[in-house]
N, C-alpha and C. Protein backbone atom coordinates (compact mmCIF):
# COMPACT_ATOMS: atom_id res chain seq x y z
N MET A 1 -12.29 12.10 -0.14
CA MET A 1 -11.18 12.90 -0.59
C MET A 1 -11.72 13.76 -1.54
N SER A 2 -11.42 14.94 -1.57
CA SER A 2 -11.79 16.06 -2.38
C SER A 2 -11.11 16.17 -3.83
N ARG A 3 -11.56 16.93 -4.54
CA ARG A 3 -10.98 17.02 -6.05
C ARG A 3 -9.77 17.40 -6.14
N GLU A 4 -9.48 18.54 -4.93
CA GLU A 4 -8.23 18.85 -5.00
C GLU A 4 -7.05 17.83 -4.52
N GLU A 5 -7.46 16.87 -3.74
CA GLU A 5 -6.75 15.85 -3.46
C GLU A 5 -6.60 14.72 -4.55
N ILE A 6 -7.52 14.53 -5.42
CA ILE A 6 -7.60 13.77 -6.39
C ILE A 6 -6.59 14.47 -7.48
N LEU A 7 -6.56 15.64 -7.70
CA LEU A 7 -5.79 16.39 -8.68
C LEU A 7 -4.09 16.33 -8.13
N ALA A 8 -3.99 16.32 -6.73
CA ALA A 8 -2.77 16.13 -6.15
C ALA A 8 -2.08 14.69 -6.43
N ALA A 9 -2.95 13.84 -6.18
CA ALA A 9 -2.56 12.52 -6.33
C ALA A 9 -2.37 11.91 -7.69
N ILE A 10 -2.93 12.57 -8.94
CA ILE A 10 -2.35 11.82 -10.24
C ILE A 10 -2.41 13.16 -11.28
N PRO A 11 -1.76 12.63 -12.23
CA PRO A 11 -1.38 13.92 -13.15
C PRO A 11 -2.59 14.24 -14.26
N HIS A 12 -3.58 13.37 -14.16
CA HIS A 12 -4.86 13.78 -15.08
C HIS A 12 -5.39 14.94 -14.88
N ARG A 13 -6.09 15.58 -15.86
CA ARG A 13 -6.66 16.81 -15.84
C ARG A 13 -7.89 16.79 -16.58
N PRO A 14 -8.87 17.76 -16.35
CA PRO A 14 -9.83 17.62 -17.39
C PRO A 14 -9.48 18.39 -18.73
N PRO A 15 -10.10 18.03 -19.67
CA PRO A 15 -11.26 17.30 -19.85
C PRO A 15 -11.01 15.40 -19.76
N PHE A 16 -9.81 14.99 -19.41
CA PHE A 16 -9.45 13.73 -19.22
C PHE A 16 -9.50 12.93 -17.99
N LEU A 17 -9.87 13.88 -16.76
CA LEU A 17 -9.85 13.55 -15.47
C LEU A 17 -11.17 12.75 -15.43
N LEU A 18 -11.25 11.57 -15.06
CA LEU A 18 -12.55 10.45 -15.21
C LEU A 18 -13.03 10.15 -13.77
N ILE A 19 -12.44 10.81 -12.90
CA ILE A 19 -13.05 10.63 -11.47
C ILE A 19 -13.43 11.88 -10.88
N ASP A 20 -14.76 11.74 -10.40
CA ASP A 20 -15.36 12.95 -9.88
C ASP A 20 -15.09 12.96 -8.26
N ARG A 21 -15.22 11.49 -7.53
CA ARG A 21 -14.96 11.68 -6.08
C ARG A 21 -14.44 10.55 -5.77
N VAL A 22 -13.90 10.18 -4.37
CA VAL A 22 -13.39 8.97 -4.11
C VAL A 22 -14.43 8.64 -2.92
N VAL A 23 -15.17 7.71 -3.19
CA VAL A 23 -16.38 7.16 -2.44
C VAL A 23 -15.82 6.75 -0.94
N GLU A 24 -14.90 5.59 -1.13
CA GLU A 24 -14.35 4.79 0.10
C GLU A 24 -12.93 4.44 -0.46
N ARG A 25 -12.12 4.13 0.47
CA ARG A 25 -10.75 3.90 0.33
C ARG A 25 -10.19 3.17 1.62
N SER A 26 -9.38 2.02 1.12
CA SER A 26 -8.68 1.29 2.25
C SER A 26 -7.13 1.07 1.71
N ALA A 27 -6.38 0.28 2.40
CA ALA A 27 -5.23 -0.04 1.86
C ALA A 27 -4.99 -0.64 0.34
N ASN A 28 -5.72 -1.50 0.22
CA ASN A 28 -5.78 -2.37 -1.13
C ASN A 28 -7.15 -2.21 -1.88
N ARG A 29 -7.85 -1.43 -1.66
CA ARG A 29 -9.39 -1.07 -2.29
C ARG A 29 -9.88 0.39 -2.35
N ILE A 30 -10.30 0.82 -3.56
CA ILE A 30 -10.69 1.94 -3.70
C ILE A 30 -12.07 2.04 -4.20
N ARG A 31 -13.10 2.80 -4.07
CA ARG A 31 -14.28 3.06 -4.58
C ARG A 31 -14.41 4.62 -5.16
N CYS A 32 -14.50 4.94 -6.54
CA CYS A 32 -14.73 5.90 -6.97
C CYS A 32 -15.93 6.10 -7.82
N SER A 33 -16.23 7.57 -8.14
CA SER A 33 -17.34 7.64 -8.85
C SER A 33 -17.34 8.69 -10.17
N LYS A 34 -18.00 8.74 -11.12
CA LYS A 34 -17.93 9.56 -12.23
C LYS A 34 -19.34 9.72 -12.92
N THR A 35 -19.79 10.82 -13.03
CA THR A 35 -21.10 11.15 -13.86
C THR A 35 -20.86 12.00 -15.05
N PHE A 36 -21.22 11.05 -16.26
CA PHE A 36 -20.95 11.66 -17.44
C PHE A 36 -21.97 12.57 -18.07
N ASP A 37 -21.61 13.68 -18.26
CA ASP A 37 -22.44 14.65 -18.73
C ASP A 37 -22.67 14.83 -20.08
N GLU A 38 -23.89 15.10 -20.63
CA GLU A 38 -24.21 15.09 -22.07
C GLU A 38 -23.41 15.76 -22.83
N GLY A 39 -22.77 16.91 -22.32
CA GLY A 39 -21.79 17.83 -23.06
C GLY A 39 -20.24 17.25 -23.20
N ASP A 40 -19.98 15.98 -22.39
CA ASP A 40 -18.69 15.75 -22.37
C ASP A 40 -18.30 15.53 -23.87
N TYR A 41 -17.07 15.94 -24.26
CA TYR A 41 -16.45 16.17 -25.67
C TYR A 41 -16.66 14.77 -26.37
N PHE A 42 -16.64 13.57 -25.85
CA PHE A 42 -16.41 12.23 -26.85
C PHE A 42 -17.85 11.98 -27.48
N PHE A 43 -18.80 12.66 -26.72
CA PHE A 43 -20.36 12.27 -27.17
C PHE A 43 -20.59 12.61 -28.48
N ALA A 44 -20.16 13.57 -28.82
CA ALA A 44 -20.34 14.45 -30.02
C ALA A 44 -20.02 13.41 -31.19
N GLY A 45 -18.91 12.67 -31.07
CA GLY A 45 -18.64 11.87 -32.34
C GLY A 45 -18.70 10.31 -31.93
N HIS A 46 -18.89 9.92 -30.66
CA HIS A 46 -19.11 8.35 -30.55
C HIS A 46 -20.39 7.97 -30.47
N TYR A 47 -21.01 7.57 -31.68
CA TYR A 47 -22.40 7.28 -31.76
C TYR A 47 -23.29 8.54 -31.43
N PRO A 48 -23.20 9.52 -32.47
CA PRO A 48 -23.91 10.72 -31.97
C PRO A 48 -25.13 10.46 -32.01
N GLU A 49 -25.91 9.59 -32.64
CA GLU A 49 -27.31 9.43 -32.81
C GLU A 49 -27.96 8.58 -31.48
N PHE A 50 -26.99 7.88 -30.85
CA PHE A 50 -27.14 7.02 -29.74
C PHE A 50 -25.81 7.18 -28.86
N PRO A 51 -25.46 8.32 -28.17
CA PRO A 51 -24.29 8.40 -27.54
C PRO A 51 -23.94 7.52 -26.47
N ILE A 52 -22.88 6.83 -26.31
CA ILE A 52 -22.42 6.00 -25.29
C ILE A 52 -20.91 6.25 -24.84
N VAL A 53 -20.62 6.10 -23.62
CA VAL A 53 -19.41 6.31 -23.24
C VAL A 53 -18.48 5.16 -23.85
N PRO A 54 -17.53 5.55 -24.53
CA PRO A 54 -16.43 4.61 -25.36
C PRO A 54 -15.94 3.68 -24.08
N GLY A 55 -15.86 2.49 -24.33
CA GLY A 55 -15.24 1.42 -23.57
C GLY A 55 -14.08 1.73 -22.99
N VAL A 56 -13.19 2.03 -23.80
CA VAL A 56 -11.69 2.42 -23.56
C VAL A 56 -11.64 3.57 -22.58
N LEU A 57 -12.61 4.42 -22.49
CA LEU A 57 -12.78 5.35 -21.32
C LEU A 57 -13.19 4.79 -19.93
N LEU A 58 -13.98 3.75 -20.03
CA LEU A 58 -14.49 3.10 -18.80
C LEU A 58 -13.15 2.55 -18.17
N CYS A 59 -12.38 1.75 -19.31
CA CYS A 59 -10.85 1.29 -18.71
C CYS A 59 -10.06 2.25 -17.92
N GLU A 60 -10.31 3.35 -18.93
CA GLU A 60 -9.20 4.55 -18.20
C GLU A 60 -9.75 5.12 -16.75
N ALA A 61 -10.88 5.09 -16.84
CA ALA A 61 -11.33 5.65 -15.46
C ALA A 61 -11.07 4.74 -14.15
N ALA A 62 -11.15 3.19 -14.57
CA ALA A 62 -10.60 2.33 -13.73
C ALA A 62 -9.10 2.34 -13.35
N MET A 63 -8.60 2.71 -14.19
CA MET A 63 -6.92 2.85 -14.16
C MET A 63 -6.56 4.04 -13.25
N GLN A 64 -7.37 5.31 -13.51
CA GLN A 64 -7.23 6.46 -12.90
C GLN A 64 -7.48 6.20 -11.43
N ALA A 65 -8.40 5.38 -11.10
CA ALA A 65 -8.97 5.25 -9.72
C ALA A 65 -7.75 4.11 -9.20
N GLY A 66 -7.21 3.11 -9.87
CA GLY A 66 -6.04 2.65 -9.37
C GLY A 66 -4.83 3.49 -9.08
N ALA A 67 -4.72 4.49 -10.01
CA ALA A 67 -3.56 5.33 -9.51
C ALA A 67 -3.68 6.19 -8.27
N VAL A 68 -4.81 6.52 -7.99
CA VAL A 68 -5.21 7.38 -6.81
C VAL A 68 -4.85 6.37 -5.59
N LEU A 69 -5.63 5.30 -5.94
CA LEU A 69 -5.25 4.03 -4.92
C LEU A 69 -3.78 3.78 -4.48
N LEU A 70 -2.85 3.79 -5.50
CA LEU A 70 -1.42 3.63 -5.41
C LEU A 70 -0.85 4.89 -4.54
N ALA A 71 -1.21 6.15 -5.09
CA ALA A 71 -0.73 7.46 -4.73
C ALA A 71 -0.66 7.43 -3.18
N GLY A 72 -1.81 6.93 -2.57
CA GLY A 72 -1.95 6.95 -0.91
C GLY A 72 -1.10 5.76 -0.29
N GLU A 73 -0.82 4.69 -1.20
CA GLU A 73 -0.14 3.44 -0.42
C GLU A 73 1.37 3.17 -0.56
N VAL A 74 1.85 3.75 -1.72
CA VAL A 74 3.11 3.63 -1.94
C VAL A 74 4.16 5.17 -1.97
N ASP A 75 5.52 5.17 -1.80
CA ASP A 75 6.18 6.27 -1.92
C ASP A 75 6.18 6.64 -3.62
N ALA A 76 5.33 7.47 -4.03
CA ALA A 76 5.15 7.94 -5.32
C ALA A 76 6.30 9.29 -5.55
N GLU A 77 6.75 9.79 -4.55
CA GLU A 77 7.27 11.15 -4.56
C GLU A 77 8.42 10.91 -5.90
N GLY A 78 8.12 12.06 -6.96
CA GLY A 78 8.59 12.18 -8.14
C GLY A 78 8.43 11.08 -9.05
N LYS A 79 7.15 10.48 -9.00
CA LYS A 79 7.21 9.47 -10.20
C LYS A 79 5.44 9.40 -10.24
N ILE A 80 5.27 8.97 -11.47
CA ILE A 80 3.94 8.78 -11.86
C ILE A 80 3.53 7.49 -12.21
N PRO A 81 2.25 7.15 -12.16
CA PRO A 81 1.76 5.87 -12.39
C PRO A 81 1.45 5.63 -13.85
N VAL A 82 1.90 4.52 -14.44
CA VAL A 82 1.80 4.27 -15.79
C VAL A 82 1.26 2.87 -16.09
N ALA A 83 0.26 2.54 -16.93
CA ALA A 83 -0.18 1.36 -17.25
C ALA A 83 0.86 0.67 -18.06
N THR A 84 1.14 -0.74 -17.80
CA THR A 84 1.98 -1.43 -18.55
C THR A 84 1.13 -2.80 -19.11
N ARG A 85 0.17 -2.95 -18.60
CA ARG A 85 -0.64 -4.06 -19.10
C ARG A 85 -2.28 -3.79 -18.84
N ILE A 86 -2.95 -4.32 -19.73
CA ILE A 86 -4.65 -4.57 -19.58
C ILE A 86 -5.01 -5.73 -20.11
N GLY A 87 -5.94 -6.40 -19.28
CA GLY A 87 -5.97 -7.75 -19.89
C GLY A 87 -7.77 -8.27 -19.33
N ASP A 88 -8.13 -9.33 -19.97
CA ASP A 88 -9.51 -9.82 -19.49
C ASP A 88 -10.63 -8.55 -19.50
N VAL A 89 -10.62 -7.85 -20.62
CA VAL A 89 -11.41 -6.93 -20.51
C VAL A 89 -12.74 -7.25 -21.02
N ARG A 90 -13.75 -7.09 -20.47
CA ARG A 90 -15.07 -7.56 -20.58
C ARG A 90 -16.20 -6.49 -20.37
N PHE A 91 -16.92 -6.12 -21.54
CA PHE A 91 -17.94 -4.97 -21.52
C PHE A 91 -19.30 -5.76 -21.43
N LYS A 92 -20.17 -5.33 -20.44
CA LYS A 92 -21.45 -5.98 -19.96
C LYS A 92 -22.52 -5.11 -20.20
N ARG A 93 -22.48 -3.56 -20.12
CA ARG A 93 -23.47 -2.84 -20.25
C ARG A 93 -22.83 -1.30 -20.83
N MET A 94 -23.77 -0.87 -21.79
CA MET A 94 -23.46 0.70 -22.20
C MET A 94 -23.43 1.42 -21.19
N VAL A 95 -22.82 2.67 -21.17
CA VAL A 95 -22.94 3.67 -20.39
C VAL A 95 -23.55 4.95 -21.09
N ARG A 96 -24.33 5.47 -20.63
CA ARG A 96 -25.19 6.50 -21.44
C ARG A 96 -25.14 8.23 -20.87
N PRO A 97 -24.88 9.14 -21.47
CA PRO A 97 -24.95 10.50 -20.96
C PRO A 97 -25.86 10.70 -19.66
N GLY A 98 -25.43 11.21 -18.57
CA GLY A 98 -26.24 11.56 -17.44
C GLY A 98 -26.15 10.40 -16.49
N GLU A 99 -25.53 9.35 -16.79
CA GLU A 99 -25.36 7.86 -15.85
C GLU A 99 -23.99 8.28 -15.11
N THR A 100 -24.13 7.82 -14.00
CA THR A 100 -23.03 7.54 -13.05
C THR A 100 -22.46 6.19 -12.65
N ILE A 101 -21.23 6.11 -12.97
CA ILE A 101 -20.57 4.87 -12.70
C ILE A 101 -19.81 4.88 -11.66
N GLU A 102 -19.81 3.74 -10.67
CA GLU A 102 -19.03 3.36 -9.71
C GLU A 102 -17.78 2.41 -10.11
N ILE A 103 -16.67 2.88 -9.59
CA ILE A 103 -15.50 2.18 -10.05
C ILE A 103 -14.72 1.55 -8.84
N ASP A 104 -14.85 0.05 -8.78
CA ASP A 104 -14.18 -0.40 -7.74
C ASP A 104 -13.02 -0.97 -8.26
N VAL A 105 -11.78 -0.77 -7.31
CA VAL A 105 -10.57 -1.35 -7.92
C VAL A 105 -9.85 -1.85 -6.71
N GLU A 106 -9.20 -3.07 -6.86
CA GLU A 106 -8.36 -3.79 -5.74
C GLU A 106 -7.21 -3.98 -6.17
N LEU A 107 -6.09 -3.62 -5.27
CA LEU A 107 -4.91 -4.09 -5.67
C LEU A 107 -4.61 -5.67 -5.32
N THR A 108 -4.33 -6.56 -6.13
CA THR A 108 -4.21 -7.78 -5.87
C THR A 108 -2.77 -8.28 -5.65
N GLU A 109 -2.04 -7.60 -6.08
CA GLU A 109 -0.55 -8.15 -5.74
C GLU A 109 0.58 -6.81 -6.24
N ARG A 110 1.60 -6.97 -5.34
CA ARG A 110 2.81 -6.12 -5.38
C ARG A 110 4.05 -7.02 -5.81
N MET A 111 4.94 -6.71 -7.03
CA MET A 111 5.99 -7.39 -7.24
C MET A 111 7.07 -6.62 -7.70
N ALA A 112 8.04 -6.18 -7.07
CA ALA A 112 9.38 -5.55 -7.46
C ALA A 112 8.74 -4.37 -8.33
N GLY A 113 8.05 -3.59 -7.80
CA GLY A 113 7.73 -2.05 -8.45
C GLY A 113 6.61 -2.26 -9.48
N ALA A 114 5.95 -3.55 -9.69
CA ALA A 114 4.81 -3.74 -10.38
C ALA A 114 3.55 -3.84 -9.61
N PHE A 115 2.46 -3.35 -9.72
CA PHE A 115 1.45 -3.31 -9.11
C PHE A 115 0.37 -4.03 -10.11
N PHE A 116 -0.57 -5.21 -9.65
CA PHE A 116 -1.23 -5.68 -10.35
C PHE A 116 -2.88 -5.29 -9.65
N LEU A 117 -3.81 -4.92 -10.28
CA LEU A 117 -5.12 -4.55 -9.87
C LEU A 117 -6.22 -5.31 -10.82
N LYS A 118 -7.49 -5.27 -10.26
CA LYS A 118 -8.62 -5.60 -10.88
C LYS A 118 -9.60 -4.73 -10.66
N ALA A 119 -10.33 -4.48 -11.50
CA ALA A 119 -11.63 -3.46 -11.53
C ALA A 119 -12.97 -3.89 -11.95
N LYS A 120 -13.97 -3.13 -11.42
CA LYS A 120 -15.28 -3.27 -11.90
C LYS A 120 -15.90 -1.95 -12.15
N VAL A 121 -16.54 -1.83 -13.20
CA VAL A 121 -17.21 -0.42 -13.24
C VAL A 121 -18.76 -0.94 -13.37
N ALA A 122 -19.54 -0.23 -12.52
CA ALA A 122 -21.04 -0.35 -12.75
C ALA A 122 -21.91 0.87 -12.88
N VAL A 123 -23.09 0.64 -13.32
CA VAL A 123 -24.08 1.91 -12.90
C VAL A 123 -25.16 1.05 -12.21
N GLY A 124 -25.00 1.42 -10.98
CA GLY A 124 -26.13 0.91 -9.90
C GLY A 124 -25.61 -0.61 -9.73
N ALA A 125 -26.67 -1.59 -10.07
CA ALA A 125 -26.10 -2.93 -9.69
C ALA A 125 -25.68 -3.62 -10.83
N ALA A 126 -25.70 -2.91 -12.08
CA ALA A 126 -25.62 -3.48 -13.43
C ALA A 126 -24.14 -3.15 -13.79
N VAL A 127 -23.25 -4.36 -13.81
CA VAL A 127 -21.83 -4.28 -14.29
C VAL A 127 -21.67 -3.79 -15.55
N ALA A 128 -20.79 -2.63 -16.09
CA ALA A 128 -20.65 -2.24 -17.04
C ALA A 128 -19.25 -2.80 -17.86
N ALA A 129 -18.41 -2.95 -17.04
CA ALA A 129 -17.12 -3.62 -17.64
C ALA A 129 -16.28 -4.26 -16.28
N ARG A 130 -15.52 -5.19 -16.54
CA ARG A 130 -14.70 -5.55 -15.81
C ARG A 130 -13.28 -5.81 -16.60
N LEU A 131 -12.04 -5.50 -15.62
CA LEU A 131 -10.78 -5.68 -16.34
C LEU A 131 -9.66 -6.06 -15.06
N GLU A 132 -8.61 -6.43 -15.61
CA GLU A 132 -7.43 -6.44 -14.95
C GLU A 132 -6.40 -5.69 -15.68
N PHE A 133 -5.47 -5.19 -14.78
CA PHE A 133 -4.48 -4.17 -15.54
C PHE A 133 -3.17 -4.36 -14.53
N ALA A 134 -2.07 -3.91 -14.78
CA ALA A 134 -0.98 -3.83 -14.04
C ALA A 134 -0.36 -2.21 -14.52
N CYS A 135 0.41 -1.72 -13.33
CA CYS A 135 1.03 -0.47 -13.68
C CYS A 135 2.45 -0.46 -12.83
N THR A 136 3.27 0.32 -12.91
CA THR A 136 4.34 0.81 -12.32
C THR A 136 4.34 2.31 -12.26
N LEU A 137 5.51 2.64 -11.38
CA LEU A 137 5.55 4.00 -11.22
C LEU A 137 6.90 4.38 -11.99
N ALA A 138 6.68 5.40 -13.00
CA ALA A 138 7.86 5.93 -13.78
C ALA A 138 8.32 7.39 -13.24
N PRO A 139 9.45 7.45 -13.30
CA PRO A 139 9.87 8.63 -12.54
C PRO A 139 9.56 9.86 -13.41
N LEU A 140 9.37 11.05 -13.01
CA LEU A 140 8.92 12.23 -13.92
C LEU A 140 10.12 12.85 -14.21
N PRO A 141 10.23 13.12 -15.43
CA PRO A 141 11.30 14.21 -15.96
C PRO A 141 11.70 15.37 -14.90
N ALA A 142 12.93 15.70 -14.75
CA ALA A 142 13.45 16.64 -13.65
C ALA A 142 12.44 17.96 -13.72
N GLU A 143 12.14 18.42 -14.91
CA GLU A 143 11.19 19.63 -14.92
C GLU A 143 9.92 19.52 -14.17
N ASN A 144 9.29 18.26 -14.23
CA ASN A 144 8.05 18.02 -13.79
C ASN A 144 8.28 17.48 -12.35
N SER A 145 9.12 17.18 -11.84
CA SER A 145 9.20 16.45 -10.27
C SER A 145 8.54 17.14 -9.23
N ASP A 146 8.31 18.48 -9.29
CA ASP A 146 7.69 19.12 -8.18
C ASP A 146 6.22 19.29 -8.34
N ARG A 147 5.39 18.45 -9.08
CA ARG A 147 4.45 18.36 -9.23
C ARG A 147 3.28 18.56 -7.77
C-alpha cells in the first residue's frame, strides 16, 4: 500500500502520521512500519539528553494501523475511525531515534459498530509495546465528508 493510499484511508497527516508503509494486510490483520528520524519534533523535548519515542505515540501508531485495516474492511464512507477505549498497555522496550518499528494489529471482534483490536509494536524481535483498543466509526461533519 502506497503512502497516498494510506493518506486516503485515514485522516492523519504529517507530522502526526505514524505509519510509513503497510507491509502486509489481510481481512483481520495488518502489519505496518515506521522509522523514527532523529529530527522528529517530539525528540527535542522528550528526554532530550536520551531521546526516546513517547509510549503514547507507540500506541497511536498502533491505532493508526488499526484505522487503515478498518478502512479496507468496512464501509467507512463519510466516517472516520476514532478510539473509544485503550487498555492492558504494556511497555517492554524503549524506541530510539533511527529505529524502525513494526506494528502488528489484529481485529479480534466486531460488535454493533464497535471494533476491538489488539496490537504489538516491535523493533526487530524485541517487543516495545502491547495493547488492546477499541474504536468506532464517527460521522464526518458535512463540510469534511468528501475527504
